[in-house]
Amino acid sequence: MRDDVDVWAMVHAERAALIEGRPLGLTSRYPPTAVVRTLRLQGRTPAAFGGAEELPARVRLVATDADLALGAGP
């Protein structure tokens, strides 16, 4: 699957669930590899294009349940 498709699917599924207040009590589960790809893509996409490229310069994000570390900050 293309990384941008993962981003679209995850972000919009969560957004819809939050807007609707999760009326059915549904929770989402995503494959860890898809989450890692999505976070890596968002971490290299400028905020002007809906990403968060600037954030990893200020903080360091380290997953405890996947092989992922982004950023150079504290």
PDB file of N, CA and C in Angstrom:
ATOM      1  N   MET A   1       0.848  -1.174   0.000  1.00  0.00           N
ATOM      2  CA  MET A   1       0.000   0.000   0.000  1.00  0.00           C
ATOM      3  C   MET A   1       0.894   1.237   0.000  1.00  0.00           C
ATOM      4  N   ARG A   2       0.485   2.265  -0.699  1.00  0.00           N
ATOM      5  CA  ARG A   2       1.242   3.517  -0.728  1.00  0.00           C
ATOM      6  C   ARG A   2       1.139   4.217   0.621  1.00  0.00           C
ATOM      7  N   ASP A   3       2.224   4.859   1.032  1.00  0.00           N
ATOM      8  CA  ASP A   3       2.248   5.542   2.321  1.00  0.00           C
ATOM      9  C   ASP A   3       1.176   6.603   2.440  1.00  0.00           C
ATOM     10  N   ASP A   4       0.947   7.357   1.359  1.00  0.00           N
ATOM     11  CA  ASP A   4      -0.052   8.428   1.434  1.00  0.00           C
ATOM     12  C   ASP A   4      -1.463   7.870   1.595  1.00  0.00           C
ATOM     13  N   VAL A   5      -1.696   6.661   1.138  1.00  0.00           N
ATOM     14  CA  VAL A   5      -3.001   6.021   1.329  1.00  0.00           C
ATOM     15  C   VAL A   5      -3.178   5.646   2.793  1.00  0.00           C
ATOM     16  N   ASP A   6      -2.115   5.142   3.422  1.00  0.00           N
ATOM     17  CA  ASP A   6      -2.169   4.840   4.855  1.00  0.00           C
ATOM     18  C   ASP A   6      -2.514   6.094   5.641  1.00  0.00           C
ATOM     19  N   VAL A   7      -1.837   7.195   5.336  1.00  0.00           N
ATOM     20  CA  VAL A   7      -2.087   8.461   6.042  1.00  0.00           C
ATOM     21  C   VAL A   7      -3.548   8.855   5.873  1.00  0.00           C
ATOM     22  N   TRP A   8      -4.013   8.845   4.652  1.00  0.00           N
ATOM     23  CA  TRP A   8      -5.396   9.259   4.384  1.00  0.00           C
ATOM     24  C   TRP A   8      -6.373   8.382   5.162  1.00  0.00           C
ATOM     25  N   ALA A   9      -6.181   7.085   5.090  1.00  0.00           N
ATOM     26  CA  ALA A   9      -7.113   6.162   5.748  1.00  0.00           C
ATOM     27  C   ALA A   9      -7.122   6.353   7.262  1.00  0.00           C
ATOM     28  N   MET A  10      -5.953   6.434   7.863  1.00  0.00           N
ATOM     29  CA  MET A  10      -5.888   6.560   9.320  1.00  0.00           C
ATOM     30  C   MET A  10      -6.387   7.908   9.811  1.00  0.00           C
ATOM     31  N   VAL A  11      -5.911   8.959   9.212  1.00  0.00           N
ATOM     32  CA  VAL A  11      -6.290  10.300   9.671  1.00  0.00           C
ATOM     33  C   VAL A  11      -7.783  10.531   9.508  1.00  0.00           C
ATOM     34  N   HIS A  12      -8.326  10.183   8.368  1.00  0.00           N
ATOM     35  CA  HIS A  12      -9.744  10.455   8.139  1.00  0.00           C
ATOM     36  C   HIS A  12     -10.655   9.506   8.922  1.00  0.00           C
ATOM     37  N   ALA A  13     -10.223   8.284   9.141  1.00  0.00           N
ATOM     38  CA  ALA A  13     -11.025   7.365   9.958  1.00  0.00           C
ATOM     39  C   ALA A  13     -11.097   7.869  11.391  1.00  0.00           C
ATOM     40  N   GLU A  14      -9.964   8.314  11.924  1.00  0.00           N
ATOM     41  CA  GLU A  14      -9.951   8.828  13.297  1.00  0.00           C
ATOM     42  C   GLU A  14     -10.712  10.140  13.395  1.00  0.00           C
ATOM     43  N   ARG A  15     -10.564  10.990  12.401  1.00  0.00           N
ATOM     44  CA  ARG A  15     -11.276  12.271  12.406  1.00  0.00           C
ATOM     45  C   ARG A  15     -12.787  12.039  12.396  1.00  0.00           C
ATOM     46  N   ALA A  16     -13.241  11.159  11.552  1.00  0.00           N
ATOM     47  CA  ALA A  16     -14.674  10.868  11.488  1.00  0.00           C
ATOM     48  C   ALA A  16     -15.175  10.305  12.810  1.00  0.00           C
ATOM     49  N   ALA A  17     -14.398   9.426  13.411  1.00  0.00           N
ATOM     50  CA  ALA A  17     -14.802   8.830  14.682  1.00  0.00           C
ATOM     51  C   ALA A  17     -14.871   9.895  15.777  1.00  0.00           C
ATOM     52  N   LEU A  18     -13.930  10.823  15.779  1.00  0.00           N
ATOM     53  CA  LEU A  18     -13.927  11.878  16.802  1.00  0.00           C
ATOM     54  C   LEU A  18     -15.073  12.857  16.596  1.00  0.00           C
ATOM     55  N   ILE A  19     -15.329  13.218  15.345  1.00  0.00           N
ATOM     56  CA  ILE A  19     -16.426  14.142  15.061  1.00  0.00           C
ATOM     57  C   ILE A  19     -17.754  13.525  15.482  1.00  0.00           C
ATOM     58  N   GLU A  20     -17.896  12.258  15.243  1.00  0.00           N
ATOM     59  CA  GLU A  20     -19.134  11.564  15.583  1.00  0.00           C
ATOM     60  C   GLU A  20     -19.160  11.132  17.044  1.00  0.00           C
ATOM     61  N   GLY A  21     -18.078  11.356  17.765  1.00  0.00           N
ATOM     62  CA  GLY A  21     -18.030  10.985  19.176  1.00  0.00           C
ATOM     63  C   GLY A  21     -18.019   9.484  19.406  1.00  0.00           C
ATOM     64  N   ARG A  22     -17.590   8.730  18.417  1.00  0.00           N
ATOM     65  CA  ARG A  22     -17.555   7.264  18.501  1.00  0.00           C
ATOM     66  C   ARG A  22     -18.901   6.707  19.003  1.00  0.00           C
ATOM     67  N   PRO A  23     -19.985   7.051  18.292  1.00  0.00           N
ATOM     68  CA  PRO A  23     -21.314   6.667  18.766  1.00  0.00           C
ATOM     69  C   PRO A  23     -21.536   5.167  18.898  1.00  0.00           C
ATOM     70  N   LEU A  24     -20.792   4.371  18.147  1.00  0.00           N
ATOM     71  CA  LEU A  24     -20.961   2.925  18.233  1.00  0.00           C
ATOM     72  C   LEU A  24     -19.919   2.292  19.148  1.00  0.00           C
ATOM     73  N   GLY A  25     -19.086   3.124  19.758  1.00  0.00           N
ATOM     74  CA  GLY A  25     -18.062   2.603  20.643  1.00  0.00           C
ATOM     75  C   GLY A  25     -16.946   1.871  19.913  1.00  0.00           C
ATOM     76  N   LEU A  26     -16.824   2.096  18.627  1.00  0.00           N
ATOM     77  CA  LEU A  26     -15.804   1.409  17.841  1.00  0.00           C
ATOM     78  C   LEU A  26     -14.428   2.018  18.082  1.00  0.00           C
ATOM     79  N   THR A  27     -13.436   1.176  18.137  1.00  0.00           N
ATOM     80  CA  THR A  27     -12.061   1.640  18.203  1.00  0.00           C
ATOM     81  C   THR A  27     -11.349   1.140  16.962  1.00  0.00           C
ATOM     82  N   SER A  28     -10.302   1.830  16.589  1.00  0.00           N
ATOM     83  CA  SER A  28      -9.559   1.464  15.386  1.00  0.00           C
ATOM     84  C   SER A  28      -8.251   0.797  15.757  1.00  0.00           C
ATOM     85  N   ARG A  29      -7.888  -0.189  14.986  1.00  0.00           N
ATOM     86  CA  ARG A  29      -6.589  -0.847  15.144  1.00  0.00           C
ATOM     87  C   ARG A  29      -5.954  -0.869  13.757  1.00  0.00           C
ATOM     88  N   TYR A  30      -4.701  -0.447  13.726  1.00  0.00           N
ATOM     89  CA  TYR A  30      -3.972  -0.393  12.462  1.00  0.00           C
ATOM     90  C   TYR A  30      -2.731  -1.270  12.574  1.00  0.00           C
ATOM     91  N   PRO A  31      -2.318  -1.880  11.476  1.00  0.00           N
ATOM     92  CA  PRO A  31      -1.091  -2.683  11.508  1.00  0.00           C
ATOM     93  C   PRO A  31       0.091  -1.795  11.902  1.00  0.00           C
ATOM     94  N   PRO A  32       0.931  -2.249  12.824  1.00  0.00           N
ATOM     95  CA  PRO A  32       2.077  -1.430  13.251  1.00  0.00           C
ATOM     96  C   PRO A  32       2.944  -0.944  12.091  1.00  0.00           C
ATOM     97  N   THR A  33       3.130  -1.772  11.074  1.00  0.00           N
ATOM     98  CA  THR A  33       3.966  -1.341   9.944  1.00  0.00           C
ATOM     99  C   THR A  33       3.333  -0.165   9.218  1.00  0.00           C
ATOM    100  N   ALA A  34       2.016  -0.147   9.117  1.00  0.00           N
ATOM    101  CA  ALA A  34       1.325   0.969   8.464  1.00  0.00           C
ATOM    102  C   ALA A  34       1.433   2.242   9.305  1.00  0.00           C
ATOM    103  N   VAL A  35       1.364   2.097  10.619  1.00  0.00           N
ATOM    104  CA  VAL A  35       1.494   3.260  11.507  1.00  0.00           C
ATOM    105  C   VAL A  35       2.903   3.840  11.401  1.00  0.00           C
ATOM    106  N   VAL A  36       3.908   2.980  11.389  1.00  0.00           N
ATOM    107  CA  VAL A  36       5.300   3.440  11.269  1.00  0.00           C
ATOM    108  C   VAL A  36       5.496   4.171   9.944  1.00  0.00           C
ATOM    109  N   ARG A  37       5.019   3.602   8.847  1.00  0.00           N
ATOM    110  CA  ARG A  37       5.143   4.265   7.534  1.00  0.00           C
ATOM    111  C   ARG A  37       4.448   5.615   7.547  1.00  0.00           C
ATOM    112  N   THR A  38       3.269   5.664   8.148  1.00  0.00           N
ATOM    113  CA  THR A  38       2.503   6.897   8.207  1.00  0.00           C
ATOM    114  C   THR A  38       3.241   7.969   8.997  1.00  0.00           C
ATOM    115  N   LEU A  39       3.763   7.604  10.158  1.00  0.00           N
ATOM    116  CA  LEU A  39       4.478   8.578  10.975  1.00  0.00           C
ATOM    117  C   LEU A  39       5.754   9.059  10.292  1.00  0.00           C
ATOM    118  N   ARG A  40       6.452   8.158   9.629  1.00  0.00           N
ATOM    119  CA  ARG A  40       7.664   8.564   8.904  1.00  0.00           C
ATOM    120  C   ARG A  40       7.318   9.525   7.768  1.00  0.00           C
ATOM    121  N   LEU A  41       6.251   9.246   7.047  1.00  0.00           N
ATOM    122  CA  LEU A  41       5.831  10.136   5.967  1.00  0.00           C
ATOM    123  C   LEU A  41       5.429  11.503   6.514  1.00  0.00           C
ATOM    124  N   GLN A  42       4.639  11.518   7.571  1.00  0.00           N
ATOM    125  CA  GLN A  42       4.216  12.784   8.165  1.00  0.00           C
ATOM    126  C   GLN A  42       5.418  13.568   8.690  1.00  0.00           C
ATOM    127  N   GLY A  43       6.426  12.862   9.175  1.00  0.00           N
ATOM    128  CA  GLY A  43       7.610  13.503   9.716  1.00  0.00           C
ATOM    129  C   GLY A  43       8.509  14.125   8.667  1.00  0.00           C
ATOM    130  N   ARG A  44       8.300  13.797   7.415  1.00  0.00           N
ATOM    131  CA  ARG A  44       9.092  14.414   6.347  1.00  0.00           C
ATOM    132  C   ARG A  44       8.249  15.271   5.400  1.00  0.00           C
ATOM    133  N   THR A  45       6.978  15.453   5.737  1.00  0.00           N
ATOM    134  CA  THR A  45       6.080  16.276   4.939  1.00  0.00           C
ATOM    135  C   THR A  45       5.896  17.634   5.632  1.00  0.00           C
ATOM    136  N   PRO A  46       6.121  18.742   4.915  1.00  0.00           N
ATOM    137  CA  PRO A  46       5.974  20.062   5.530  1.00  0.00           C
ATOM    138  C   PRO A  46       4.559  20.298   6.063  1.00  0.00           C
ATOM    139  N   ALA A  47       4.478  21.084   7.125  1.00  0.00           N
ATOM    140  CA  ALA A  47       3.178  21.417   7.715  1.00  0.00           C
ATOM    141  C   ALA A  47       2.264  22.077   6.684  1.00  0.00           C
ATOM    142  N   ALA A  48       2.835  22.820   5.772  1.00  0.00           N
ATOM    143  CA  ALA A  48       2.039  23.481   4.732  1.00  0.00           C
ATOM    144  C   ALA A  48       1.287  22.473   3.864  1.00  0.00           C
ATOM    145  N   PHE A  49       1.751  21.240   3.847  1.00  0.00           N
ATOM    146  CA  PHE A  49       1.100  20.186   3.068  1.00  0.00           C
ATOM    147  C   PHE A  49       0.409  19.174   3.974  1.00  0.00           C
ATOM    148  N   GLY A  50       0.145  19.534   5.225  1.00  0.00           N
ATOM    149  CA  GLY A  50      -0.578  18.663   6.142  1.00  0.00           C
ATOM    150  C   GLY A  50       0.288  17.725   6.945  1.00  0.00           C
ATOM    151  N   GLY A  51       1.591  17.922   6.896  1.00  0.00           N
ATOM    152  CA  GLY A  51       2.504  17.057   7.632  1.00  0.00           C
ATOM    153  C   GLY A  51       3.004  17.716   8.903  1.00  0.00           C
ATOM    154  N   ALA A  52       4.094  17.184   9.401  1.00  0.00           N
ATOM    155  CA  ALA A  52       4.656  17.691  10.656  1.00  0.00           C
ATOM    156  C   ALA A  52       6.177  17.710  10.586  1.00  0.00           C
ATOM    157  N   GLU A  53       6.720  18.035   9.418  1.00  0.00           N
ATOM    158  CA  GLU A  53       8.161  17.990   9.213  1.00  0.00           C
ATOM    159  C   GLU A  53       8.919  18.841  10.239  1.00  0.00           C
ATOM    160  N   GLU A  54       8.342  19.940  10.630  1.00  0.00           N
ATOM    161  CA  GLU A  54       9.015  20.843  11.551  1.00  0.00           C
ATOM    162  C   GLU A  54       9.039  20.316  12.987  1.00  0.00           C
ATOM    163  N   LEU A  55       8.094  19.483  13.356  1.00  0.00           N
ATOM    164  CA  LEU A  55       7.996  18.973  14.727  1.00  0.00           C
ATOM    165  C   LEU A  55       9.199  18.136  15.157  1.00  0.00           C
ATOM    166  N   PRO A  56       9.662  17.175  14.351  1.00  0.00           N
ATOM    167  CA  PRO A  56      10.798  16.363  14.800  1.00  0.00           C
ATOM    168  C   PRO A  56      12.076  17.165  15.032  1.00  0.00           C
ATOM    169  N   ALA A  57      12.154  18.386  14.535  1.00  0.00           N
ATOM    170  CA  ALA A  57      13.325  19.217  14.807  1.00  0.00           C
ATOM    171  C   ALA A  57      13.282  19.731  16.247  1.00  0.00           C
ATOM    172  N   ARG A  58      12.103  19.760  16.856  1.00  0.00           N
ATOM    173  CA  ARG A  58      11.939  20.289  18.220  1.00  0.00           C
ATOM    174  C   ARG A  58      11.808  19.207  19.279  1.00  0.00           C
ATOM    175  N   VAL A  59      11.388  18.016  18.899  1.00  0.00           N
ATOM    176  CA  VAL A  59      11.192  16.932  19.859  1.00  0.00           C
ATOM    177  C   VAL A  59      11.729  15.628  19.277  1.00  0.00           C
ATOM    178  N   ARG A  60      11.870  14.635  20.112  1.00  0.00           N
ATOM    179  CA  ARG A  60      12.237  13.288  19.650  1.00  0.00           C
ATOM    180  C   ARG A  60      11.101  12.360  20.052  1.00  0.00           C
ATOM    181  N   LEU A  61      10.567  11.672  19.083  1.00  0.00           N
ATOM    182  CA  LEU A  61       9.483  10.722  19.310  1.00  0.00           C
ATOM    183  C   LEU A  61      10.051   9.314  19.177  1.00  0.00           C
ATOM    184  N   VAL A  62       9.865   8.492  20.200  1.00  0.00           N
ATOM    185  CA  VAL A  62      10.379   7.121  20.181  1.00  0.00           C
ATOM    186  C   VAL A  62       9.233   6.179  20.544  1.00  0.00           C
ATOM    187  N   ALA A  63       8.958   5.249  19.655  1.00  0.00           N
ATOM    188  CA  ALA A  63       7.903   4.256  19.908  1.00  0.00           C
ATOM    189  C   ALA A  63       8.417   3.205  20.882  1.00  0.00           C
ATOM    190  N   THR A  64       7.539   2.752  21.728  1.00  0.00           N
ATOM    191  CA  THR A  64       7.903   1.673  22.648  1.00  0.00           C
ATOM    192  C   THR A  64       7.457   0.312  22.138  1.00  0.00           C
ATOM    193  N   ASP A  65       6.655   0.309  21.070  1.00  0.00           N
ATOM    194  CA  ASP A  65       6.118  -0.947  20.569  1.00  0.00           C
ATOM    195  C   ASP A  65       6.407  -1.183  19.084  1.00  0.00           C
ATOM    196  N   ALA A  66       7.317  -0.366  18.526  1.00  0.00           N
ATOM    197  CA  ALA A  66       7.679  -0.515  17.109  1.00  0.00           C
ATOM    198  C   ALA A  66       9.074   0.058  16.915  1.00  0.00           C
ATOM    199  N   ASP A  67       9.680  -0.280  15.797  1.00  0.00           N
ATOM    200  CA  ASP A  67      11.017   0.218  15.477  1.00  0.00           C
ATOM    201  C   ASP A  67      10.865   1.598  14.832  1.00  0.00           C
ATOM    202  N   LEU A  68      10.743   2.613  15.681  1.00  0.00           N
ATOM    203  CA  LEU A  68      10.536   3.965  15.164  1.00  0.00           C
ATOM    204  C   LEU A  68      11.094   4.980  16.139  1.00  0.00           C
ATOM    205  N   ALA A  69      11.907   5.862  15.625  1.00  0.00           N
ATOM    206  CA  ALA A  69      12.402   7.027  16.363  1.00  0.00           C
ATOM    207  C   ALA A  69      12.498   8.163  15.358  1.00  0.00           C
ATOM    208  N   LEU A  70      11.865   9.276  15.673  1.00  0.00           N
ATOM    209  CA  LEU A  70      11.867  10.440  14.794  1.00  0.00           C
ATOM    210  C   LEU A  70      12.334  11.654  15.580  1.00  0.00           C
ATOM    211  N   GLY A  71      13.074  12.503  14.940  1.00  0.00           N
ATOM    212  CA  GLY A  71      13.428  13.777  15.531  1.00  0.00           C
ATOM    213  C   GLY A  71      14.764  13.802  16.223  1.00  0.00           C
ATOM    214  N   ALA A  72      15.202  15.028  16.478  1.00  0.00           N
ATOM    215  CA  ALA A  72      16.504  15.235  17.098  1.00  0.00           C
ATOM    216  C   ALA A  72      16.384  16.043  18.383  1.00  0.00           C
ATOM    217  N   GLY A  73      15.199  16.436  18.749  1.00  0.00           N
ATOM    218  CA  GLY A  73      15.011  17.259  19.943  1.00  0.00           C
ATOM    219  C   GLY A  73      14.998  16.420  21.208  1.00  0.00           C
ATOM    220  N   PRO A  74      14.667  17.084  22.329  1.00  0.00           N
ATOM    221  CA  PRO A  74      14.614  16.372  23.620  1.00  0.00           C
ATOM    222  C   PRO A  74      13.446  15.395  23.696  1.00  0.00           C
TER     223      PRO A  74
END
